[in-house]
């Protein structure tokens, strides 16, 4: 799906809801139907979600627009994240819902703005964004973290991703996951997550460890060492318990790790 095709899909869904859901009509007209592009739709949605006592909506819209213009890859990443959410989340009934309502998707896109600011030398503003994202969406992602595209962040509440964490493409992360350090050490101190990994709810991954491509981490696991590619780890502390049935466990979201034994 191209960005132009996504724009038309969002407009069509908004038009259908606008006919049958009069209470939602003002929001749909303001954020979708009056907008000409996916960039405008995403920009106003993020501005509405983040605006408040720290920075007003108009200034946020202007800042986000300039980031999209300067870093167009953000929009391509957002498109892939949105498609990943629709494909993997069974509670998602279309493209419009995650754009307007899912805090995992919105928080991830807000992080992408903060990361662009960080990379562009505006580090205080980036940390201001981090603080707002944490309070508005319940997820704490350091703007220096490196995150790929095609991510599903499901539910999002209490997710923590540290400064030197790296996350690959097509990863699925459930609520309560921590990619943290093991103490007050400095330098490269956070996990590195490969492509196609699934991180179960409340999994705690600590230290500068490597999680191989296609690995699966069970809910509640505490991972303190490297995880080989295409293996399933679970427990406290986590140990290998099997191998995922699929090359990319992030796609099918099968969270019962006993099936991998």
Protein backbone atom coordinates (compact mmCIF):
# COMPACT_ATOMS: atom_id res chain seq x y z
CA UNK A 1 0.00 0.00 0.00
CA UNK A 2 1.36 3.42 -0.97
CA UNK A 3 0.95 6.50 1.20
CA UNK A 4 -1.53 7.92 -1.32
CA UNK A 5 -3.56 4.70 -1.19
CA UNK A 6 -3.49 4.83 2.61
CA UNK A 7 -4.75 8.42 2.53
CA UNK A 8 -7.71 7.39 0.39
CA UNK A 9 -8.42 4.38 2.63
CA UNK A 10 -8.51 6.61 5.72
CA UNK A 11 -10.83 9.08 4.01
CA UNK A 12 -13.18 6.29 2.93
CA UNK A 13 -13.35 4.85 6.42
CA UNK A 14 -13.92 8.31 7.88
CA UNK A 15 -16.74 9.01 5.43
CA UNK A 16 -18.45 5.73 6.36
CA UNK A 17 -18.24 6.49 10.09
CA UNK A 18 -19.31 10.09 9.53
CA UNK A 19 -22.60 8.91 8.05
CA UNK A 20 -23.44 6.60 10.94
CA UNK A 21 -21.64 8.04 13.99
CA UNK A 22 -22.79 11.67 14.47
CA UNK A 23 -20.98 12.06 17.80
CA UNK A 24 -17.65 11.40 16.06
CA UNK A 25 -18.39 13.73 13.14
CA UNK A 26 -16.50 16.83 14.41
CA UNK A 27 -13.35 14.82 15.06
CA UNK A 28 -13.55 13.02 11.74
CA UNK A 29 -14.02 16.26 9.83
CA UNK A 30 -11.21 18.04 11.70
CA UNK A 31 -8.59 15.31 11.63
CA UNK A 32 -9.36 13.32 8.48
CA UNK A 33 -11.97 14.61 6.05
CA UNK A 34 -10.62 18.17 5.86
CA UNK A 35 -7.05 16.95 5.33
CA UNK A 36 -5.40 16.34 1.97
CA UNK A 37 -2.61 13.94 2.92
CA UNK A 38 -1.54 11.26 5.38
CA UNK A 39 1.07 13.71 6.68
CA UNK A 40 -1.65 16.22 7.61
CA UNK A 41 -3.85 13.52 9.18
CA UNK A 42 -1.02 12.13 11.28
CA UNK A 43 0.29 15.57 12.18
CA UNK A 44 -3.01 16.91 13.51
CA UNK A 45 -3.74 13.65 15.34
CA UNK A 46 -0.40 13.74 17.14
CA UNK A 47 -0.79 17.44 17.90
CA UNK A 48 -4.25 16.85 19.40
CA UNK A 49 -2.91 13.99 21.50
CA UNK A 50 0.20 15.78 22.77
CA UNK A 51 -1.03 19.34 23.20
CA UNK A 52 -1.67 20.66 26.67
CA UNK A 53 -0.03 22.62 29.41
CA UNK A 54 3.50 22.37 27.97
CA UNK A 55 2.98 23.34 24.31
CA UNK A 56 -0.14 24.32 22.38
CA UNK A 57 -1.60 22.48 19.43
CA UNK A 58 -0.79 25.03 16.72
CA UNK A 59 2.90 25.11 17.62
CA UNK A 60 2.98 21.32 17.74
CA UNK A 61 1.36 21.02 14.32
CA UNK A 62 3.92 23.41 12.88
CA UNK A 63 6.81 21.52 14.47
CA UNK A 64 5.53 18.14 13.32
CA UNK A 65 4.94 19.42 9.80
CA UNK A 66 8.51 20.70 9.57
CA UNK A 67 9.82 17.33 10.81
CA UNK A 68 7.83 15.49 8.14
CA UNK A 69 9.22 17.82 5.48
CA UNK A 70 12.80 17.48 6.70
CA UNK A 71 12.62 13.73 7.44
CA UNK A 72 10.12 12.18 4.98
CA UNK A 73 11.15 8.66 6.03
CA UNK A 74 9.07 9.20 9.18
CA UNK A 75 5.90 9.00 7.10
CA UNK A 76 7.02 5.80 5.39
CA UNK A 77 7.79 4.27 8.80
CA UNK A 78 4.40 5.41 10.11
CA UNK A 79 2.65 3.81 7.15
CA UNK A 80 4.42 0.50 7.82
CA UNK A 81 3.59 0.71 11.54
CA UNK A 82 -0.07 1.37 10.75
CA UNK A 83 -0.25 -1.57 8.34
CA UNK A 84 1.47 -3.80 10.92
CA UNK A 85 -1.12 -2.84 13.52
CA UNK A 86 -4.02 -3.64 11.20
CA UNK A 87 -2.54 -6.99 10.19
CA UNK A 88 -1.53 -8.23 13.66
CA UNK A 89 -4.02 -6.80 16.15
CA UNK A 90 -7.31 -8.74 16.08
CA UNK A 91 -9.06 -5.86 17.90
CA UNK A 92 -8.31 -3.52 15.00
CA UNK A 93 -11.13 -3.23 12.47
CA UNK A 94 -9.52 -0.83 10.02
CA UNK A 95 -6.80 1.76 9.46
CA UNK A 96 -8.64 4.68 11.01
CA UNK A 97 -8.96 3.22 14.53
CA UNK A 98 -5.23 2.90 15.30
CA UNK A 99 -4.49 6.29 13.76
CA UNK A 100 -7.04 8.05 15.96
CA UNK A 101 -7.24 5.89 19.07
CA UNK A 102 -4.37 3.45 19.63
CA UNK A 103 -1.82 4.93 22.01
CA UNK A 104 0.80 2.38 20.99
CA UNK A 105 0.72 3.60 17.41
CA UNK A 106 0.44 7.27 18.36
CA UNK A 107 3.18 7.08 20.99
CA UNK A 108 5.53 5.36 18.53
CA UNK A 109 4.98 8.08 15.92
CA UNK A 110 5.50 10.78 18.53
CA UNK A 111 8.77 9.06 19.47
CA UNK A 112 9.80 9.26 15.80
CA UNK A 113 9.39 13.05 15.95
CA UNK A 114 11.43 13.17 19.17
CA UNK A 115 14.12 10.98 17.60
CA UNK A 116 14.35 13.30 14.58
CA UNK A 117 14.74 16.26 16.93
CA UNK A 118 17.43 14.40 18.88
CA UNK A 119 19.34 13.54 15.72
CA UNK A 120 19.05 17.16 14.58
CA UNK A 121 20.70 18.47 17.75
CA UNK A 122 17.51 19.69 19.47
CA UNK A 123 18.01 17.40 22.44
CA UNK A 124 16.24 19.41 25.11
CA UNK A 125 13.12 19.65 22.93
CA UNK A 126 13.40 15.92 22.21
CA UNK A 127 13.43 15.15 25.93
CA UNK A 128 10.46 17.48 26.40
CA UNK A 129 8.64 15.33 23.82
CA UNK A 130 9.69 12.19 25.72
CA UNK A 131 8.18 13.59 28.90
CA UNK A 132 4.91 14.52 27.20
CA UNK A 133 4.67 11.12 25.46
CA UNK A 134 5.18 9.39 28.80
CA UNK A 135 2.39 11.34 30.48
CA UNK A 136 -0.06 11.23 27.56
CA UNK A 137 0.45 7.66 26.31
CA UNK A 138 1.92 5.81 29.31
CA UNK A 139 5.08 4.71 27.46
CA UNK A 140 8.61 5.97 28.05
CA UNK A 141 10.91 5.82 25.00
CA UNK A 142 14.23 7.66 25.10
CA UNK A 143 14.53 9.79 21.94
CA UNK A 144 18.04 8.44 21.28
CA UNK A 145 16.80 4.85 20.97
CA UNK A 146 16.89 3.41 17.45
CA UNK A 147 13.65 1.78 16.30
CA UNK A 148 12.90 0.20 12.94
CA UNK A 149 9.60 0.11 11.05
CA UNK A 150 6.65 -2.23 10.81
CA UNK A 151 6.20 -2.30 14.58
CA UNK A 152 3.12 -3.23 16.55
CA UNK A 153 3.12 -1.81 20.07
CA UNK A 154 0.00 -3.37 21.53
CA UNK A 155 -1.71 -1.58 24.46
CA UNK A 156 1.59 0.26 25.17
CA UNK A 157 1.00 0.94 28.88
CA UNK A 158 4.21 0.85 30.95
CA UNK A 159 6.58 0.20 28.05
CA UNK A 160 10.11 1.48 28.77
CA UNK A 161 12.81 1.65 26.08
CA UNK A 162 16.23 2.92 27.10
CA UNK A 163 18.66 5.32 25.46
CA UNK A 164 20.95 2.84 23.70
CA UNK A 165 18.30 0.26 22.81
CA UNK A 166 18.05 -0.81 19.18
CA UNK A 167 14.93 -2.47 17.75
CA UNK A 168 14.82 -4.00 14.27
CA UNK A 169 11.97 -4.19 11.78
CA UNK A 170 8.65 -6.05 12.09
CA UNK A 171 8.84 -6.43 15.87
CA UNK A 172 5.76 -6.85 18.09
CA UNK A 173 5.85 -5.53 21.66
CA UNK A 174 3.12 -5.98 24.24
CA UNK A 175 2.38 -3.88 27.32
CA UNK A 176 4.74 -3.67 30.26
CA UNK A 177 7.89 -4.55 28.32
CA UNK A 178 11.17 -3.02 29.54
CA UNK A 179 14.33 -2.68 27.47
CA UNK A 180 16.48 -1.42 30.31
CA UNK A 181 19.91 -1.38 31.86
CA UNK A 182 21.17 -3.35 34.83
CA UNK A 183 22.30 -0.43 36.99
CA UNK A 184 23.77 3.06 36.71
CA UNK A 185 26.44 2.11 34.19
CA UNK A 186 27.12 4.49 31.31
CA UNK A 187 27.63 3.82 27.61
CA UNK A 188 26.01 1.09 25.53
CA UNK A 189 23.83 -0.58 28.13
CA UNK A 190 20.45 -1.54 26.63
CA UNK A 191 19.12 -4.52 24.62
CA UNK A 192 19.43 -4.96 20.87
CA UNK A 193 16.33 -6.58 19.34
CA UNK A 194 16.51 -8.33 15.95
CA UNK A 195 13.92 -8.42 13.17
CA UNK A 196 10.62 -10.28 13.56
CA UNK A 197 10.92 -10.68 17.35
CA UNK A 198 7.87 -10.95 19.61
CA UNK A 199 8.20 -9.60 23.16
CA UNK A 200 5.43 -10.89 25.44
CA UNK A 201 3.62 -8.78 28.01
CA UNK A 202 5.77 -7.58 30.93
CA UNK A 203 8.93 -9.19 29.59
CA UNK A 204 11.96 -7.50 31.17
CA UNK A 205 15.11 -7.44 29.04
CA UNK A 206 18.07 -5.96 30.89
CA UNK A 207 21.55 -4.99 29.82
CA UNK A 208 23.46 -4.80 26.54
CA UNK A 209 22.15 -8.14 25.30
CA UNK A 210 21.24 -9.35 21.82
CA UNK A 211 17.91 -10.93 20.89
CA UNK A 212 18.29 -12.73 17.57
CA UNK A 213 16.00 -12.46 14.56
CA UNK A 214 12.71 -14.30 14.88
CA UNK A 215 13.08 -14.95 18.61
CA UNK A 216 10.14 -15.09 20.97
CA UNK A 217 10.17 -13.90 24.59
CA UNK A 218 7.41 -15.22 26.83
CA UNK A 219 5.20 -13.02 28.99
CA UNK A 220 6.80 -12.08 32.29
CA UNK A 221 10.25 -13.37 31.30
CA UNK A 222 13.36 -11.76 32.77
CA UNK A 223 16.07 -11.92 30.12
CA UNK A 224 19.64 -11.22 31.26
CA UNK A 225 21.68 -12.75 28.44
CA UNK A 226 21.74 -13.14 24.67
CA UNK A 227 18.93 -15.05 22.95
CA UNK A 228 19.81 -16.96 19.75
CA UNK A 229 17.79 -16.38 16.61
CA UNK A 230 14.54 -18.35 16.23
CA UNK A 231 14.41 -19.57 19.81
CA UNK A 232 11.79 -19.14 22.53
CA UNK A 233 12.85 -17.97 25.99
CA UNK A 234 10.63 -17.85 29.06
CA UNK A 235 10.86 -17.86 32.84
CA UNK A 236 12.67 -16.01 35.63
CA UNK A 237 15.49 -15.93 34.79
CA UNK A 238 14.59 -16.74 31.19
CA UNK A 239 15.89 -19.95 29.62
CA UNK A 240 15.41 -21.57 26.24
CA UNK A 241 12.17 -23.56 26.13
CA UNK A 242 11.79 -24.25 22.42
CA UNK A 243 11.60 -22.74 18.98
CA UNK A 244 8.83 -20.68 17.34
CA UNK A 245 6.87 -22.51 14.67
CA UNK A 246 7.14 -19.51 12.33
CA UNK A 247 10.09 -17.61 10.93
CA UNK A 248 8.60 -14.33 12.18
CA UNK A 249 6.69 -14.91 15.45
CA UNK A 250 5.89 -11.21 15.59
CA UNK A 251 3.41 -11.74 12.76
CA UNK A 252 1.12 -14.40 14.24
CA UNK A 253 1.27 -13.06 17.84
CA UNK A 254 0.98 -16.58 19.33
CA UNK A 255 1.75 -15.87 22.98
CA UNK A 256 1.42 -19.42 24.32
CA UNK A 257 5.10 -20.38 24.36
CA UNK A 258 4.28 -23.96 25.42
CA UNK A 259 3.36 -24.63 21.79
CA UNK A 260 7.02 -24.07 20.88
CA UNK A 261 8.33 -26.90 23.05
